Amino acid sequence: MTARVLGLFQRNNRLLKGCSISTLKLAIDGEIKHAKPPNFDYYAKGNNIFRLFFDNTKTYDRFHDNSKVIVVEGNIASGKSNVAAKLAELLDMAYFPDPTEDDIYINRNVEPNFDLRTHNPLLPYDAKYYTCEMFWNESDFINKGKGLYLQYHFYLRRYWNYLRALCHLFNTGQGVIIDRSPFSEFAFADAMHKCNYLSQRGLLWFKQNHSMTITNIWKPHLLIYIKAPIEKIRERIKKRNIPWEVNARNLTDEFLNAYDDVLGKYYFENMDQYSYTFAVDGSSVDVYNDDDIRVIAQRICEIDFSGDHLLRGDYKLLKWRKALRYEISTTSSRVEFSNAYHKFKNVFNQVIYPMDLPELIYTYEAQELQGTAIHMVGSSFYCFLTKQLTRCFLCVFTVSKIASIFSL
């Protein structure tokens, strides 16, 4: 091998010191310097080697101490959203909030934005767009409910949210803090099954497809778990004062305990093999107190993320350590996660939807009624949907699935 070729190989595979920074830094220290954002819309246009050639800053030069992915998990009303938002501010990271029901049913690709739930008063119960209020007050989950449908759509949204966060990290170098991740979705499904909100077959279908699709994204650098006692959760639910949530017949202590049990005893312990973990005791720490959150930030800044202390066969941050070790692999990873829409589409195109699972699929008659309601209204959404139907093949999901995918 000639000296010139050897030199080129060494440059393309130069060990990147900046991608294995050992600890996080607080924004107040003034040590975090962000590179200039890319000169193209990486969210909308994706990325490729040609665009990277004209980028003003190379991928490996964007990474710094806080170029990390942090996920905050916890029970319902545990205060995880507040912790995630405050930590993002303290660490100068981008905050990605947890998707809501609005993200499922509101189409933002048309003007004015169109909410499919506005058709619910026109539809019979079995054709209504299934909402969180309907789920938490459902009397017959197996025969009448669409709990699996709603749960799967939240999984789709959280998966997309996580992909966007990775896209942001690789294109800007700015770290991200995500309120809930798609990795913990099986815990909610398990709790639903334990409380008879989900059938055995529905649980198996969800877990099978969850395990099949979740391997296509990298696990976070750090998982923060907020463990809150039931008394505090009830107190916060009452304080939020959402009528259907306060009086929800199915938001029982049994469900909250079942969900917390799977999160703490299985999910948290399992993720410790792949990510660094940090538990917050909600009974002694006030997650709405700025001083307490500042202490949490200082504690996680003491964690060594370099991987130098890990054994050869350790899985912790394995994909991050392998991909960000050299320039060429870092650039390839950036291209992979920059094309978030195509990655999302390719991953979920392989999912097969059972037509005879009523918890997941609307009947043909219900889908016809939903389509008729859209046609009757004559909205701009109907025109948008008609154009899309002429351009692509529709899968067996209902109109609301179409709306959610196209509004990505």
Protein backbone atom coordinates (compact mmCIF):
# COMPACT_ATOMS: atom_id res chain seq x y z
CA MET A 1 0.00 0.00 0.00
CA THR A 2 1.48 3.33 -1.03
CA ALA A 3 2.08 6.09 1.45
CA ARG A 4 -0.55 8.26 -0.28
CA VAL A 5 -3.26 5.60 -0.07
CA LEU A 6 -2.34 4.79 3.50
CA GLY A 7 -2.55 8.46 4.42
CA LEU A 8 -6.00 8.77 2.81
CA PHE A 9 -7.22 5.71 4.71
CA GLN A 10 -5.96 7.10 7.98
CA ARG A 11 -7.64 10.46 7.38
CA ASN A 12 -11.01 8.84 6.59
CA ASN A 13 -10.74 6.61 9.64
CA ARG A 14 -9.19 9.10 12.02
CA LEU A 15 -10.17 8.44 15.62
CA LEU A 16 -12.62 11.15 16.66
CA LYS A 17 -11.82 12.53 20.09
CA GLY A 18 -14.82 14.86 20.03
CA CYS A 19 -17.34 12.05 19.66
CA SER A 20 -16.41 10.29 22.91
CA ILE A 21 -16.53 13.17 25.37
CA SER A 22 -16.68 11.75 28.88
CA THR A 23 -19.09 14.08 30.68
CA LEU A 24 -21.92 16.53 30.09
CA LYS A 25 -21.47 20.24 30.74
CA LEU A 26 -23.92 22.77 32.17
CA ALA A 27 -24.82 25.65 29.87
CA ILE A 28 -23.94 28.15 32.59
CA ASP A 29 -20.29 27.05 32.36
CA GLY A 30 -20.12 28.59 28.89
CA GLU A 31 -18.13 25.70 27.43
CA ILE A 32 -20.76 24.58 24.90
CA LYS A 33 -20.24 26.11 21.46
CA HIS A 34 -22.63 25.09 18.69
CA ALA A 35 -21.48 24.99 15.09
CA LYS A 36 -23.37 26.98 12.47
CA PRO A 37 -26.49 25.04 11.34
CA PRO A 38 -26.37 23.33 7.92
CA ASN A 39 -27.18 25.54 4.94
CA PHE A 40 -30.14 23.40 3.85
CA ASP A 41 -33.38 22.13 5.39
CA TYR A 42 -32.27 18.72 6.62
CA TYR A 43 -35.70 17.93 8.10
CA ALA A 44 -37.56 18.38 4.82
CA LYS A 45 -34.91 17.43 2.27
CA GLY A 46 -32.98 14.76 4.10
CA ASN A 47 -29.28 14.39 3.47
CA ASN A 48 -26.76 12.65 1.24
CA ILE A 49 -23.05 12.58 0.57
CA PHE A 50 -23.38 15.29 -2.11
CA ARG A 51 -25.03 17.75 0.30
CA LEU A 52 -22.50 16.95 3.00
CA PHE A 53 -19.73 17.84 0.58
CA PHE A 54 -21.04 21.44 0.53
CA ASP A 55 -21.86 21.59 4.24
CA ASN A 56 -20.22 24.48 6.06
CA THR A 57 -19.12 22.24 8.97
CA LYS A 58 -18.24 18.56 8.82
CA THR A 59 -20.20 16.11 10.93
CA TYR A 60 -17.35 15.17 13.23
CA ASP A 61 -16.62 18.85 13.97
CA ARG A 62 -20.18 19.46 15.17
CA PHE A 63 -20.03 17.07 18.12
CA HIS A 64 -19.11 18.37 21.56
CA ASP A 65 -19.56 17.51 25.23
CA ASN A 66 -23.36 17.64 25.15
CA SER A 67 -23.93 15.86 21.84
CA LYS A 68 -25.98 13.20 23.57
CA VAL A 69 -29.48 11.70 23.52
CA ILE A 70 -31.24 11.76 26.90
CA VAL A 71 -34.65 10.21 27.49
CA VAL A 72 -36.84 10.99 30.51
CA GLU A 73 -39.34 8.26 31.45
CA GLY A 74 -41.88 7.85 34.21
CA ASN A 75 -45.47 7.11 35.09
CA ILE A 76 -48.44 9.22 34.10
CA ALA A 77 -48.26 12.65 35.82
CA SER A 78 -44.87 11.81 37.35
CA GLY A 79 -43.46 15.20 36.30
CA LYS A 80 -41.20 13.84 33.55
CA SER A 81 -42.19 16.57 31.07
CA ASN A 82 -41.15 19.34 33.44
CA VAL A 83 -37.86 17.61 34.26
CA ALA A 84 -37.08 17.08 30.56
CA ALA A 85 -37.84 20.70 29.64
CA LYS A 86 -35.80 22.15 32.53
CA LEU A 87 -32.83 19.86 31.91
CA ALA A 88 -32.83 20.86 28.24
CA GLU A 89 -32.57 24.49 29.34
CA LEU A 90 -29.80 23.81 31.87
CA LEU A 91 -27.75 21.72 29.42
CA ASP A 92 -28.47 23.84 26.33
CA MET A 93 -30.10 20.90 24.55
CA ALA A 94 -33.10 20.68 22.24
CA TYR A 95 -36.30 19.54 23.96
CA PHE A 96 -38.62 17.12 22.17
CA PRO A 97 -41.97 16.93 24.02
CA ASP A 98 -44.08 13.80 24.17
CA PRO A 99 -46.54 13.55 21.24
CA THR A 100 -50.18 14.11 22.12
CA GLU A 101 -53.52 13.01 20.74
CA ASP A 102 -53.54 16.18 18.63
CA ASP A 103 -50.49 14.92 16.74
CA ILE A 104 -52.46 11.83 15.73
CA TYR A 105 -55.69 13.41 14.56
CA ILE A 106 -54.83 16.94 13.41
CA ASN A 107 -53.54 17.24 9.86
CA ARG A 108 -51.16 20.18 9.61
CA ASN A 109 -50.43 19.80 5.90
CA VAL A 110 -53.52 21.79 4.96
CA GLU A 111 -54.71 25.31 5.69
CA PRO A 112 -56.55 25.63 7.92
CA ASN A 113 -55.40 22.62 9.94
CA PHE A 114 -58.00 19.89 10.02
CA ASP A 115 -59.01 17.83 13.07
CA LEU A 116 -60.57 14.46 12.26
CA ARG A 117 -62.16 14.32 15.72
CA THR A 118 -64.61 17.06 14.69
CA HIS A 119 -66.45 14.32 12.76
CA ASN A 120 -67.09 12.23 15.87
CA PRO A 121 -70.55 13.76 16.57
CA LEU A 122 -71.62 12.58 13.09
CA LEU A 123 -70.38 9.02 13.52
CA PRO A 124 -71.70 6.00 15.46
CA TYR A 125 -69.57 4.80 18.35
CA ASP A 126 -67.80 2.03 16.43
CA ALA A 127 -66.70 4.52 13.72
CA LYS A 128 -65.61 7.40 15.96
CA TYR A 129 -61.94 8.38 15.97
CA TYR A 130 -60.79 6.80 19.21
CA THR A 131 -59.57 9.35 21.75
CA CYS A 132 -57.82 9.17 25.12
CA GLU A 133 -61.05 10.22 26.80
CA MET A 134 -62.86 7.29 25.20
CA PHE A 135 -60.06 4.91 26.20
CA TRP A 136 -59.92 5.91 29.86
CA ASN A 137 -63.70 5.60 30.17
CA GLU A 138 -64.25 2.53 27.98
CA SER A 139 -66.58 -0.16 29.36
CA ASP A 140 -65.84 -2.97 26.88
CA PHE A 141 -62.27 -2.84 25.58
CA ILE A 142 -62.18 -6.13 23.70
CA ASN A 143 -65.44 -5.84 21.75
CA LYS A 144 -66.00 -2.08 21.46
CA GLY A 145 -62.72 -0.37 22.29
CA LYS A 146 -59.84 0.59 20.05
CA GLY A 147 -57.15 0.67 22.71
CA LEU A 148 -54.59 -1.11 20.55
CA TYR A 149 -55.31 1.28 17.66
CA LEU A 150 -54.63 4.28 19.90
CA GLN A 151 -51.56 2.70 21.50
CA TYR A 152 -50.05 1.82 18.13
CA HIS A 153 -50.56 5.35 16.84
CA PHE A 154 -48.80 6.77 19.89
CA TYR A 155 -45.96 4.36 19.19
CA LEU A 156 -45.76 5.61 15.60
CA ARG A 157 -45.63 9.21 16.81
CA ARG A 158 -42.98 8.56 19.46
CA TYR A 159 -40.89 6.62 16.97
CA TRP A 160 -41.08 9.55 14.55
CA ASN A 161 -40.28 11.99 17.35
CA TYR A 162 -37.16 9.99 18.22
CA LEU A 163 -36.05 9.87 14.58
CA ARG A 164 -36.40 13.65 14.32
CA ALA A 165 -34.31 14.02 17.47
CA LEU A 166 -31.54 11.87 15.98
CA CYS A 167 -31.75 13.88 12.77
CA HIS A 168 -31.33 17.10 14.78
CA LEU A 169 -28.37 15.73 16.74
CA PHE A 170 -26.42 14.53 13.70
CA ASN A 171 -27.00 17.69 11.67
CA THR A 172 -26.39 20.29 14.36
CA GLY A 173 -24.39 18.55 17.08
CA GLN A 174 -26.83 19.89 19.68
CA GLY A 175 -27.86 17.26 22.21
CA VAL A 176 -31.52 16.31 22.60
CA ILE A 177 -33.74 15.52 25.57
CA ILE A 178 -36.84 13.49 24.75
CA ASP A 179 -39.95 13.20 26.90
CA ARG A 180 -40.74 9.45 26.68
CA SER A 181 -39.34 7.25 23.97
CA PRO A 182 -40.66 4.45 21.73
CA PHE A 183 -38.49 1.97 23.65
CA SER A 184 -40.89 1.93 26.62
CA GLU A 185 -44.11 1.44 24.63
CA PHE A 186 -44.27 -2.27 25.43
CA ALA A 187 -44.53 -1.37 29.13
CA PHE A 188 -47.79 0.50 28.56
CA ALA A 189 -49.14 -2.39 26.47
CA ASP A 190 -48.20 -4.86 29.22
CA ALA A 191 -50.04 -2.77 31.81
CA MET A 192 -53.08 -2.59 29.52
CA HIS A 193 -53.11 -6.37 29.22
CA LYS A 194 -52.73 -6.93 32.97
CA CYS A 195 -55.78 -4.73 33.58
CA ASN A 196 -57.80 -6.40 30.79
CA TYR A 197 -57.68 -3.32 28.56
CA LEU A 198 -55.95 -5.34 25.83
CA SER A 199 -56.44 -8.93 24.66
CA GLN A 200 -53.68 -11.52 24.68
CA ARG A 201 -53.63 -11.58 20.88
CA GLY A 202 -53.46 -7.80 20.71
CA LEU A 203 -50.54 -7.76 23.15
CA LEU A 204 -48.62 -10.39 21.17
CA TRP A 205 -49.16 -8.49 17.91
CA PHE A 206 -47.96 -5.23 19.43
CA LYS A 207 -44.90 -6.72 21.14
CA GLN A 208 -43.91 -8.64 18.02
CA ASN A 209 -43.99 -5.52 15.86
CA HIS A 210 -42.42 -3.39 18.57
CA SER A 211 -39.43 -5.74 18.83
CA MET A 212 -39.18 -5.89 15.02
CA THR A 213 -39.16 -2.12 14.45
CA ILE A 214 -37.39 -0.75 17.53
CA THR A 215 -34.02 -2.24 16.57
CA ASN A 216 -33.68 0.26 13.73
CA ILE A 217 -32.95 3.19 16.04
CA TRP A 218 -30.14 3.66 18.54
CA LYS A 219 -30.80 3.59 22.25
CA PRO A 220 -30.16 6.81 24.21
CA HIS A 221 -26.94 7.69 25.98
CA LEU A 222 -28.83 8.27 29.21
CA LEU A 223 -32.20 7.15 30.55
CA ILE A 224 -33.63 9.16 33.46
CA TYR A 225 -36.45 7.39 35.29
CA ILE A 226 -38.79 9.44 37.49
CA LYS A 227 -40.34 7.14 40.09
CA ALA A 228 -43.31 8.84 41.73
CA PRO A 229 -45.59 7.41 44.45
CA ILE A 230 -49.26 6.91 43.60
CA GLU A 231 -50.31 9.62 46.07
CA LYS A 232 -48.29 12.28 44.24
CA ILE A 233 -49.57 11.07 40.86
CA ARG A 234 -53.17 11.38 42.06
CA GLU A 235 -52.44 14.82 43.45
CA ARG A 236 -51.00 16.02 40.13
CA ILE A 237 -53.84 14.53 38.10
CA LYS A 238 -56.26 16.42 40.31
CA LYS A 239 -54.19 19.60 39.95
CA ARG A 240 -54.17 19.34 36.14
CA ASN A 241 -57.96 19.25 36.39
CA ILE A 242 -58.72 17.61 33.05
CA PRO A 243 -62.34 16.49 33.66
CA TRP A 244 -62.24 13.16 31.80
CA GLU A 245 -58.85 12.35 33.37
CA VAL A 246 -59.86 13.20 36.93
CA ASN A 247 -63.02 11.09 36.68
CA ALA A 248 -61.58 8.35 34.44
CA ARG A 249 -62.99 4.96 35.40
CA ASN A 250 -59.99 3.06 33.98
CA LEU A 251 -57.15 5.22 35.29
CA THR A 252 -57.03 3.11 38.43
CA ASP A 253 -54.31 2.55 41.01
CA GLU A 254 -54.07 -0.99 39.66
CA PHE A 255 -53.13 0.30 36.21
CA LEU A 256 -50.70 2.92 37.53
CA ASN A 257 -48.97 0.29 39.68
CA ALA A 258 -48.86 -2.21 36.81
CA TYR A 259 -47.32 0.36 34.47
CA ASP A 260 -44.78 1.51 37.05
CA ASP A 261 -43.91 -2.10 37.85
CA VAL A 262 -42.98 -2.91 34.23
CA LEU A 263 -41.15 0.40 33.80
CA GLY A 264 -39.06 0.02 36.94
CA LYS A 265 -38.46 -3.71 37.23
CA TYR A 266 -38.06 -4.68 33.59
CA TYR A 267 -37.61 -1.73 31.24
CA PHE A 268 -35.24 0.29 33.44
CA GLU A 269 -33.11 -2.73 34.36
CA ASN A 270 -33.00 -4.00 30.78
CA MET A 271 -32.00 -0.59 29.38
CA ASP A 272 -29.11 -0.48 31.85
CA GLN A 273 -27.35 -3.00 29.61
CA TYR A 274 -27.35 -0.55 26.68
CA SER A 275 -27.56 2.96 28.16
CA TYR A 276 -26.51 4.77 31.29
CA THR A 277 -29.40 5.05 33.73
CA PHE A 278 -30.28 7.51 36.46
CA ALA A 279 -33.24 7.07 38.82
CA VAL A 280 -34.97 9.96 40.57
CA ASP A 281 -36.97 9.23 43.72
CA GLY A 282 -40.09 11.34 43.32
CA SER A 283 -41.05 10.87 46.97
CA SER A 284 -38.02 12.86 48.20
CA VAL A 285 -37.22 15.02 45.16
CA ASP A 286 -39.57 17.78 44.04
CA VAL A 287 -39.49 17.51 40.25
CA TYR A 288 -41.20 20.91 39.98
CA ASN A 289 -38.55 22.67 42.05
CA ASP A 290 -35.84 24.37 40.00
CA ASP A 291 -33.17 23.80 42.66
CA ASP A 292 -33.88 20.06 42.79
CA ILE A 293 -33.73 19.81 39.00
CA ARG A 294 -30.44 21.72 39.04
CA VAL A 295 -29.07 19.08 41.43
CA ILE A 296 -30.22 16.35 39.02
CA ALA A 297 -28.40 18.16 36.20
CA GLN A 298 -25.22 18.36 38.27
CA ARG A 299 -25.43 14.66 39.13
CA ILE A 300 -25.80 13.50 35.54
CA CYS A 301 -22.86 15.74 34.58
CA GLU A 302 -20.71 13.42 36.71
CA ILE A 303 -21.47 10.36 34.55
CA ASP A 304 -18.55 9.18 32.42
CA PHE A 305 -19.84 8.56 28.87
CA SER A 306 -16.43 7.93 27.28
CA GLY A 307 -16.68 4.14 27.44
CA ASP A 308 -13.02 3.82 28.42
CA HIS A 309 -13.97 1.91 31.56
CA LEU A 310 -16.19 -0.61 29.73
CA LEU A 311 -15.15 -4.18 28.98
CA ARG A 312 -14.73 -5.47 25.44
CA GLY A 313 -18.06 -7.33 25.44
CA ASP A 314 -20.09 -4.54 27.09
CA TYR A 315 -23.21 -3.51 25.15
CA LYS A 316 -23.50 -0.08 26.76
CA LEU A 317 -23.58 2.61 24.05
CA LEU A 318 -22.18 0.02 21.65
CA LYS A 319 -23.68 1.49 18.47
CA TRP A 320 -22.67 5.01 19.44
CA ARG A 321 -19.11 3.95 20.25
CA LYS A 322 -18.71 2.02 17.00
CA ALA A 323 -20.34 4.55 14.67
CA LEU A 324 -18.80 7.71 16.13
CA ARG A 325 -15.28 6.37 16.39
CA TYR A 326 -14.22 7.35 12.87
CA GLU A 327 -15.03 10.16 10.46
CA ILE A 328 -16.42 7.95 7.71
CA SER A 329 -18.77 6.00 9.99
CA THR A 330 -19.97 9.22 11.64
CA THR A 331 -20.83 10.71 8.25
CA SER A 332 -22.64 7.52 7.20
CA SER A 333 -24.70 7.62 10.40
CA ARG A 334 -25.63 11.23 9.72
CA VAL A 335 -26.89 10.33 6.25
CA GLU A 336 -28.89 7.41 7.68
CA PHE A 337 -30.76 9.42 10.30
CA SER A 338 -31.08 12.61 8.24
CA ASN A 339 -33.43 10.81 5.86
CA ALA A 340 -35.88 10.29 8.72
CA TYR A 341 -39.03 10.04 6.62
CA HIS A 342 -37.64 7.33 4.35
CA LYS A 343 -36.26 5.39 7.30
CA PHE A 344 -39.63 5.62 9.07
CA LYS A 345 -41.49 4.50 5.95
CA ASN A 346 -39.14 1.59 5.25
CA VAL A 347 -39.35 0.34 8.84
CA PHE A 348 -43.14 0.37 9.12
CA ASN A 349 -43.87 -0.84 5.59
CA GLN A 350 -42.97 -4.31 6.82
CA VAL A 351 -45.71 -4.33 9.47
CA ILE A 352 -48.67 -6.61 8.68
CA TYR A 353 -52.06 -5.58 10.10
CA PRO A 354 -54.50 -8.40 10.96
CA MET A 355 -57.91 -7.57 9.51
CA ASP A 356 -59.76 -9.58 12.16
CA LEU A 357 -58.40 -7.74 15.21
CA PRO A 358 -61.16 -5.26 16.17
CA GLU A 359 -59.01 -3.53 18.80
CA LEU A 360 -56.74 -2.38 15.98
CA ILE A 361 -58.73 -2.26 12.74
CA TYR A 362 -61.97 -0.45 11.95
CA THR A 363 -64.57 -2.46 10.06
CA TYR A 364 -65.15 -1.77 6.38
CA GLU A 365 -68.52 -0.19 7.22
CA ALA A 366 -66.91 2.11 9.81
CA GLN A 367 -64.26 3.19 7.32
CA GLU A 368 -66.97 3.96 4.76
CA LEU A 369 -68.77 6.15 7.29
CA GLN A 370 -65.54 8.00 8.11
CA GLY A 371 -64.92 8.61 4.41
CA THR A 372 -68.49 9.79 3.90
CA ALA A 373 -68.17 12.26 6.79
CA ILE A 374 -65.03 13.74 5.24
CA HIS A 375 -66.74 14.00 1.85
CA MET A 376 -69.83 15.67 3.36
CA VAL A 377 -67.80 18.36 5.06
CA GLY A 378 -66.03 19.17 1.78
CA SER A 379 -62.96 20.42 3.59
CA SER A 380 -59.55 21.25 2.22
CA PHE A 381 -58.40 18.07 3.93
CA TYR A 382 -60.62 16.05 1.57
CA CYS A 383 -58.95 17.66 -1.46
CA PHE A 384 -55.52 16.97 0.02
CA LEU A 385 -56.43 13.36 0.78
CA THR A 386 -57.85 12.79 -2.70
CA LYS A 387 -54.59 13.93 -4.31
CA GLN A 388 -52.58 11.66 -2.06
CA LEU A 389 -54.79 8.65 -2.82
CA THR A 390 -54.05 9.01 -6.52
CA ARG A 391 -50.32 8.91 -5.86
CA CYS A 392 -49.83 6.04 -3.45
CA PHE A 393 -51.16 2.66 -2.45
CA LEU A 394 -53.24 2.65 0.72
CA CYS A 395 -52.81 0.03 3.40
CA VAL A 396 -55.66 -1.41 5.45
CA PHE A 397 -55.60 1.26 8.12
CA THR A 398 -58.35 3.83 8.42
CA VAL A 399 -58.44 7.41 7.21
CA SER A 400 -56.94 8.58 10.48
CA LYS A 401 -53.84 6.49 9.82
CA ILE A 402 -53.53 8.10 6.41
CA ALA A 403 -53.84 11.52 8.01
CA SER A 404 -51.24 10.74 10.65
CA ILE A 405 -48.68 9.41 8.18
CA PHE A 406 -49.10 12.28 5.71
CA SER A 407 -48.86 14.89 8.46
CA LEU A 408 -45.41 13.70 9.44
